[in-house]
PDB file of all heavy atoms in Angstrom:
ATOM      1  N   PHE A   1      78.979 122.256 124.000  1.00  0.00           N
ATOM      2  CA  PHE A   1      79.560 122.673 122.728  1.00  0.00           C
ATOM      3  C   PHE A   1      79.315 124.152 122.479  1.00  0.00           C
ATOM      4  O   PHE A   1      80.232 124.878 122.062  1.00  0.00           O
ATOM      5  CB  PHE A   1      78.998 121.833 121.584  1.00  0.00           C
ATOM      6  CG  PHE A   1      79.641 122.128 120.261  1.00  0.00           C
ATOM      7  CD1 PHE A   1      80.913 121.664 119.980  1.00  0.00           C
ATOM      8  CD2 PHE A   1      78.979 122.882 119.306  1.00  0.00           C
ATOM      9  CE1 PHE A   1      81.520 121.941 118.760  1.00  0.00           C
ATOM     10  CE2 PHE A   1      79.575 123.165 118.090  1.00  0.00           C
ATOM     11  CZ  PHE A   1      80.852 122.688 117.818  1.00  0.00           C
ATOM     12  N   ILE A   2      78.105 124.607 122.722  1.00  0.00           N
ATOM     13  CA  ILE A   2      77.780 126.024 122.526  1.00  0.00           C
ATOM     14  C   ILE A   2      78.692 126.897 123.380  1.00  0.00           C
ATOM     15  O   ILE A   2      79.223 127.912 122.908  1.00  0.00           O
ATOM     16  CB  ILE A   2      76.289 126.282 122.829  1.00  0.00           C
ATOM     17  CG1 ILE A   2      75.429 125.693 121.712  1.00  0.00           C
ATOM     18  CG2 ILE A   2      76.008 127.766 123.017  1.00  0.00           C
ATOM     19  CD1 ILE A   2      73.943 125.651 122.008  1.00  0.00           C
ATOM     20  N   ALA A   3      78.907 126.481 124.615  1.00  0.00           N
ATOM     21  CA  ALA A   3      79.774 127.254 125.508  1.00  0.00           C
ATOM     22  C   ALA A   3      81.224 127.231 125.027  1.00  0.00           C
ATOM     23  O   ALA A   3      81.885 128.277 124.975  1.00  0.00           O
ATOM     24  CB  ALA A   3      79.675 126.707 126.931  1.00  0.00           C
ATOM     25  N   ARG A   4      81.720 126.062 124.668  1.00  0.00           N
ATOM     26  CA  ARG A   4      83.118 125.945 124.226  1.00  0.00           C
ATOM     27  C   ARG A   4      83.353 126.648 122.892  1.00  0.00           C
ATOM     28  O   ARG A   4      84.408 127.243 122.681  1.00  0.00           O
ATOM     29  CB  ARG A   4      83.528 124.492 124.110  1.00  0.00           C
ATOM     30  CG  ARG A   4      83.751 123.832 125.445  1.00  0.00           C
ATOM     31  CD  ARG A   4      84.152 122.377 125.237  1.00  0.00           C
ATOM     32  NE  ARG A   4      84.483 121.751 126.472  1.00  0.00           N
ATOM     33  CZ  ARG A   4      85.726 121.613 126.932  1.00  0.00           C
ATOM     34  NH1 ARG A   4      86.736 122.042 126.228  1.00  0.00           N
ATOM     35  NH2 ARG A   4      85.939 121.030 128.082  1.00  0.00           N
ATOM     36  N   ALA A   5      82.391 126.546 121.995  1.00  0.00           N
ATOM     37  CA  ALA A   5      82.538 127.141 120.666  1.00  0.00           C
ATOM     38  C   ALA A   5      82.268 128.645 120.678  1.00  0.00           C
ATOM     39  O   ALA A   5      82.572 129.342 119.716  1.00  0.00           O
ATOM     40  CB  ALA A   5      81.596 126.457 119.684  1.00  0.00           C
ATOM     41  N   LYS A   6      81.668 129.125 121.769  1.00  0.00           N
ATOM     42  CA  LYS A   6      81.322 130.542 121.905  1.00  0.00           C
ATOM     43  C   LYS A   6      80.416 131.007 120.770  1.00  0.00           C
ATOM     44  O   LYS A   6      80.662 132.026 120.120  1.00  0.00           O
ATOM     45  CB  LYS A   6      82.579 131.387 122.004  1.00  0.00           C
ATOM     46  CG  LYS A   6      83.397 131.046 123.223  1.00  0.00           C
ATOM     47  CD  LYS A   6      84.658 131.845 123.289  1.00  0.00           C
ATOM     48  CE  LYS A   6      85.411 131.393 124.531  1.00  0.00           C
ATOM     49  NZ  LYS A   6      86.822 131.575 124.435  1.00  0.00           N
ATOM     50  N   ILE A   7      79.385 130.187 120.527  1.00  0.00           N
ATOM     51  CA  ILE A   7      78.353 130.551 119.556  1.00  0.00           C
ATOM     52  C   ILE A   7      77.005 130.453 120.250  1.00  0.00           C
ATOM     53  O   ILE A   7      76.889 129.838 121.311  1.00  0.00           O
ATOM     54  CB  ILE A   7      78.371 129.643 118.301  1.00  0.00           C
ATOM     55  CG1 ILE A   7      78.192 128.169 118.681  1.00  0.00           C
ATOM     56  CG2 ILE A   7      79.648 129.847 117.507  1.00  0.00           C
ATOM     57  CD1 ILE A   7      78.090 127.224 117.496  1.00  0.00           C
ATOM     58  N   ASP A   8      75.998 131.062 119.663  1.00  0.00           N
ATOM     59  CA  ASP A   8      74.669 130.957 120.266  1.00  0.00           C
ATOM     60  C   ASP A   8      73.907 129.782 119.651  1.00  0.00           C
ATOM     61  O   ASP A   8      74.311 129.225 118.630  1.00  0.00           O
ATOM     62  CB  ASP A   8      73.890 132.264 120.142  1.00  0.00           C
ATOM     63  CG  ASP A   8      73.703 132.723 118.708  1.00  0.00           C
ATOM     64  OD1 ASP A   8      73.285 131.899 117.861  1.00  0.00           O
ATOM     65  OD2 ASP A   8      73.985 133.894 118.420  1.00  0.00           O
ATOM     66  N   ARG A   9      72.823 129.416 120.295  1.00  0.00           N
ATOM     67  CA  ARG A   9      72.023 128.263 119.870  1.00  0.00           C
ATOM     68  C   ARG A   9      71.500 128.433 118.446  1.00  0.00           C
ATOM     69  O   ARG A   9      71.529 127.490 117.664  1.00  0.00           O
ATOM     70  CB  ARG A   9      70.856 128.057 120.841  1.00  0.00           C
ATOM     71  CG  ARG A   9      69.998 126.861 120.507  1.00  0.00           C
ATOM     72  CD  ARG A   9      68.918 126.636 121.551  1.00  0.00           C
ATOM     73  NE  ARG A   9      69.443 126.127 122.793  1.00  0.00           N
ATOM     74  CZ  ARG A   9      69.684 124.842 123.033  1.00  0.00           C
ATOM     75  NH1 ARG A   9      69.438 123.947 122.103  1.00  0.00           N
ATOM     76  NH2 ARG A   9      70.165 124.453 124.178  1.00  0.00           N
ATOM     77  N   LYS A  10      71.061 129.647 118.108  1.00  0.00           N
ATOM     78  CA  LYS A  10      70.518 129.880 116.765  1.00  0.00           C
ATOM     79  C   LYS A  10      71.596 129.656 115.699  1.00  0.00           C
ATOM     80  O   LYS A  10      71.338 129.039 114.662  1.00  0.00           O
ATOM     81  CB  LYS A  10      69.935 131.285 116.659  1.00  0.00           C
ATOM     82  CG  LYS A  10      69.311 131.561 115.321  1.00  0.00           C
ATOM     83  CD  LYS A  10      68.642 132.902 115.258  1.00  0.00           C
ATOM     84  CE  LYS A  10      68.059 133.065 113.874  1.00  0.00           C
ATOM     85  NZ  LYS A  10      67.190 134.204 113.771  1.00  0.00           N
ATOM     86  N   THR A  11      72.794 130.166 115.940  1.00  0.00           N
ATOM     87  CA  THR A  11      73.897 129.966 114.995  1.00  0.00           C
ATOM     88  C   THR A  11      74.176 128.485 114.825  1.00  0.00           C
ATOM     89  O   THR A  11      74.339 127.992 113.701  1.00  0.00           O
ATOM     90  CB  THR A  11      75.162 130.705 115.471  1.00  0.00           C
ATOM     91  OG1 THR A  11      74.880 132.108 115.528  1.00  0.00           O
ATOM     92  CG2 THR A  11      76.342 130.445 114.557  1.00  0.00           C
ATOM     93  N   LEU A  12      74.213 127.755 115.946  1.00  0.00           N
ATOM     94  CA  LEU A  12      74.452 126.321 115.873  1.00  0.00           C
ATOM     95  C   LEU A  12      73.386 125.638 115.032  1.00  0.00           C
ATOM     96  O   LEU A  12      73.700 124.810 114.170  1.00  0.00           O
ATOM     97  CB  LEU A  12      74.491 125.707 117.278  1.00  0.00           C
ATOM     98  CG  LEU A  12      74.685 124.191 117.323  1.00  0.00           C
ATOM     99  CD1 LEU A  12      76.012 123.790 116.691  1.00  0.00           C
ATOM    100  CD2 LEU A  12      74.578 123.695 118.755  1.00  0.00           C
ATOM    101  N   GLU A  13      72.138 125.982 115.249  1.00  0.00           N
ATOM    102  CA  GLU A  13      71.041 125.366 114.490  1.00  0.00           C
ATOM    103  C   GLU A  13      71.171 125.647 112.991  1.00  0.00           C
ATOM    104  O   GLU A  13      70.965 124.761 112.163  1.00  0.00           O
ATOM    105  CB  GLU A  13      69.682 125.853 115.003  1.00  0.00           C
ATOM    106  CG  GLU A  13      69.371 125.458 116.423  1.00  0.00           C
ATOM    107  CD  GLU A  13      69.420 123.966 116.670  1.00  0.00           C
ATOM    108  OE1 GLU A  13      69.055 123.177 115.770  1.00  0.00           O
ATOM    109  OE2 GLU A  13      69.841 123.577 117.779  1.00  0.00           O
ATOM    110  N   ILE A  14      71.543 126.870 112.658  1.00  0.00           N
ATOM    111  CA  ILE A  14      71.722 127.231 111.241  1.00  0.00           C
ATOM    112  C   ILE A  14      72.867 126.426 110.638  1.00  0.00           C
ATOM    113  O   ILE A  14      72.744 125.884 109.537  1.00  0.00           O
ATOM    114  CB  ILE A  14      71.972 128.748 111.091  1.00  0.00           C
ATOM    115  CG1 ILE A  14      70.696 129.522 111.431  1.00  0.00           C
ATOM    116  CG2 ILE A  14      72.461 129.083 109.678  1.00  0.00           C
ATOM    117  CD1 ILE A  14      70.910 131.023 111.582  1.00  0.00           C
ATOM    118  N   TRP A  15      73.972 126.327 111.351  1.00  0.00           N
ATOM    119  CA  TRP A  15      75.130 125.610 110.830  1.00  0.00           C
ATOM    120  C   TRP A  15      74.844 124.121 110.681  1.00  0.00           C
ATOM    121  O   TRP A  15      75.345 123.485 109.754  1.00  0.00           O
ATOM    122  CB  TRP A  15      76.347 125.851 111.703  1.00  0.00           C
ATOM    123  CG  TRP A  15      76.877 127.267 111.602  1.00  0.00           C
ATOM    124  CD1 TRP A  15      76.374 128.284 110.834  1.00  0.00           C
ATOM    125  CD2 TRP A  15      77.987 127.806 112.285  1.00  0.00           C
ATOM    126  NE1 TRP A  15      77.114 129.425 111.005  1.00  0.00           N
ATOM    127  CE2 TRP A  15      78.111 129.169 111.892  1.00  0.00           C
ATOM    128  CE3 TRP A  15      78.892 127.293 113.203  1.00  0.00           C
ATOM    129  CZ2 TRP A  15      79.117 130.002 112.374  1.00  0.00           C
ATOM    130  CZ3 TRP A  15      79.898 128.123 113.689  1.00  0.00           C
ATOM    131  CH2 TRP A  15      80.005 129.458 113.276  1.00  0.00           C
ATOM    132  N   ILE A  16      74.035 123.581 111.580  1.00  0.00           N
ATOM    133  CA  ILE A  16      73.631 122.177 111.443  1.00  0.00           C
ATOM    134  C   ILE A  16      72.713 122.017 110.241  1.00  0.00           C
ATOM    135  O   ILE A  16      72.855 121.091 109.442  1.00  0.00           O
ATOM    136  CB  ILE A  16      72.971 121.655 112.741  1.00  0.00           C
ATOM    137  CG1 ILE A  16      74.010 121.545 113.854  1.00  0.00           C
ATOM    138  CG2 ILE A  16      72.286 120.308 112.499  1.00  0.00           C
ATOM    139  CD1 ILE A  16      73.432 121.253 115.219  1.00  0.00           C
ATOM    140  N   GLU A  17      71.777 122.942 110.091  1.00  0.00           N
ATOM    141  CA  GLU A  17      70.851 122.900 108.946  1.00  0.00           C
ATOM    142  C   GLU A  17      71.609 123.004 107.624  1.00  0.00           C
ATOM    143  O   GLU A  17      71.281 122.315 106.654  1.00  0.00           O
ATOM    144  CB  GLU A  17      69.835 124.040 109.063  1.00  0.00           C
ATOM    145  CG  GLU A  17      68.775 124.022 107.999  1.00  0.00           C
ATOM    146  CD  GLU A  17      67.763 125.138 108.208  1.00  0.00           C
ATOM    147  OE1 GLU A  17      67.262 125.275 109.333  1.00  0.00           O
ATOM    148  OE2 GLU A  17      67.499 125.876 107.234  1.00  0.00           O
ATOM    149  N   GLU A  18      72.629 123.833 107.599  1.00  0.00           N
ATOM    150  CA  GLU A  18      73.462 123.998 106.394  1.00  0.00           C
ATOM    151  C   GLU A  18      74.410 122.818 106.192  1.00  0.00           C
ATOM    152  O   GLU A  18      75.094 122.742 105.183  1.00  0.00           O
ATOM    153  CB  GLU A  18      74.274 125.292 106.479  1.00  0.00           C
ATOM    154  CG  GLU A  18      73.457 126.552 106.403  1.00  0.00           C
ATOM    155  CD  GLU A  18      72.870 126.791 105.032  1.00  0.00           C
ATOM    156  OE1 GLU A  18      73.473 126.374 104.022  1.00  0.00           O
ATOM    157  OE2 GLU A  18      71.796 127.409 104.973  1.00  0.00           O
ATOM    158  N   GLU A  19      74.484 121.943 107.197  1.00  0.00           N
ATOM    159  CA  GLU A  19      75.384 120.789 107.222  1.00  0.00           C
ATOM    160  C   GLU A  19      76.850 121.193 107.286  1.00  0.00           C
ATOM    161  O   GLU A  19      77.736 120.469 106.850  1.00  0.00           O
ATOM    162  CB  GLU A  19      75.105 119.830 106.063  1.00  0.00           C
ATOM    163  CG  GLU A  19      73.719 119.231 106.139  1.00  0.00           C
ATOM    164  CD  GLU A  19      73.415 118.246 105.024  1.00  0.00           C
ATOM    165  OE1 GLU A  19      74.213 118.139 104.063  1.00  0.00           O
ATOM    166  OE2 GLU A  19      72.375 117.583 105.126  1.00  0.00           O
ATOM    167  N   TRP A  20      77.100 122.362 107.867  1.00  0.00           N
ATOM    168  CA  TRP A  20      78.470 122.769 108.123  1.00  0.00           C
ATOM    169  C   TRP A  20      79.004 122.008 109.331  1.00  0.00           C
ATOM    170  O   TRP A  20      80.196 121.764 109.439  1.00  0.00           O
ATOM    171  CB  TRP A  20      78.566 124.262 108.370  1.00  0.00           C
ATOM    172  CG  TRP A  20      78.204 125.118 107.187  1.00  0.00           C
ATOM    173  CD1 TRP A  20      77.870 124.700 105.930  1.00  0.00           C
ATOM    174  CD2 TRP A  20      78.127 126.530 107.157  1.00  0.00           C
ATOM    175  NE1 TRP A  20      77.601 125.775 105.131  1.00  0.00           N
ATOM    176  CE2 TRP A  20      77.746 126.916 105.853  1.00  0.00           C
ATOM    177  CE3 TRP A  20      78.335 127.524 108.107  1.00  0.00           C
ATOM    178  CZ2 TRP A  20      77.592 128.243 105.480  1.00  0.00           C
ATOM    179  CZ3 TRP A  20      78.178 128.848 107.744  1.00  0.00           C
ATOM    180  CH2 TRP A  20      77.815 129.197 106.433  1.00  0.00           C
ATOM    181  N   LEU A  21      78.097 121.680 110.242  1.00  0.00           N
ATOM    182  CA  LEU A  21      78.395 120.829 111.393  1.00  0.00           C
ATOM    183  C   LEU A  21      77.425 119.668 111.355  1.00  0.00           C
ATOM    184  O   LEU A  21      76.231 119.870 111.104  1.00  0.00           O
ATOM    185  CB  LEU A  21      78.214 121.587 112.710  1.00  0.00           C
ATOM    186  CG  LEU A  21      79.211 122.699 113.009  1.00  0.00           C
ATOM    187  CD1 LEU A  21      78.760 123.482 114.230  1.00  0.00           C
ATOM    188  CD2 LEU A  21      80.602 122.135 113.228  1.00  0.00           C
ATOM    189  N   VAL A  22      77.938 118.474 111.588  1.00  0.00           N
ATOM    190  CA  VAL A  22      77.085 117.283 111.579  1.00  0.00           C
ATOM    191  C   VAL A  22      77.330 116.534 112.892  1.00  0.00           C
ATOM    192  O   VAL A  22      78.275 115.743 112.996  1.00  0.00           O
ATOM    193  CB  VAL A  22      77.376 116.379 110.363  1.00  0.00           C
ATOM    194  CG1 VAL A  22      76.458 115.167 110.368  1.00  0.00           C
ATOM    195  CG2 VAL A  22      77.238 117.166 109.060  1.00  0.00           C
ATOM    196  N   PRO A  23      76.492 116.813 113.898  1.00  0.00           N
ATOM    197  CA  PRO A  23      76.700 116.168 115.190  1.00  0.00           C
ATOM    198  C   PRO A  23      76.358 114.687 115.148  1.00  0.00           C
ATOM    199  O   PRO A  23      75.615 114.229 114.284  1.00  0.00           O
ATOM    200  CB  PRO A  23      75.736 116.916 116.115  1.00  0.00           C
ATOM    201  CG  PRO A  23      74.656 117.404 115.213  1.00  0.00           C
ATOM    202  CD  PRO A  23      75.328 117.694 113.898  1.00  0.00           C
ATOM    203  N   GLN A  24      76.919 113.959 116.097  1.00  0.00           N
ATOM    204  CA  GLN A  24      76.561 112.554 116.278  1.00  0.00           C
ATOM    205  C   GLN A  24      75.308 112.541 117.139  1.00  0.00           C
ATOM    206  O   GLN A  24      75.225 113.249 118.124  1.00  0.00           O
ATOM    207  CB  GLN A  24      77.688 111.811 116.989  1.00  0.00           C
ATOM    208  CG  GLN A  24      79.007 111.907 116.283  1.00  0.00           C
ATOM    209  CD  GLN A  24      80.158 111.475 117.177  1.00  0.00           C
ATOM    210  OE1 GLN A  24      79.975 111.064 118.303  1.00  0.00           O
ATOM    211  NE2 GLN A  24      81.361 111.586 116.650  1.00  0.00           N
TER     212      GLN A  24
END
């Protein structure tokens, strides 16, 4: 997902924490 979305791990973690993304 990080590779396809072209975001870094830290950004992903922040977006998950903010609940902008909610992974299964």
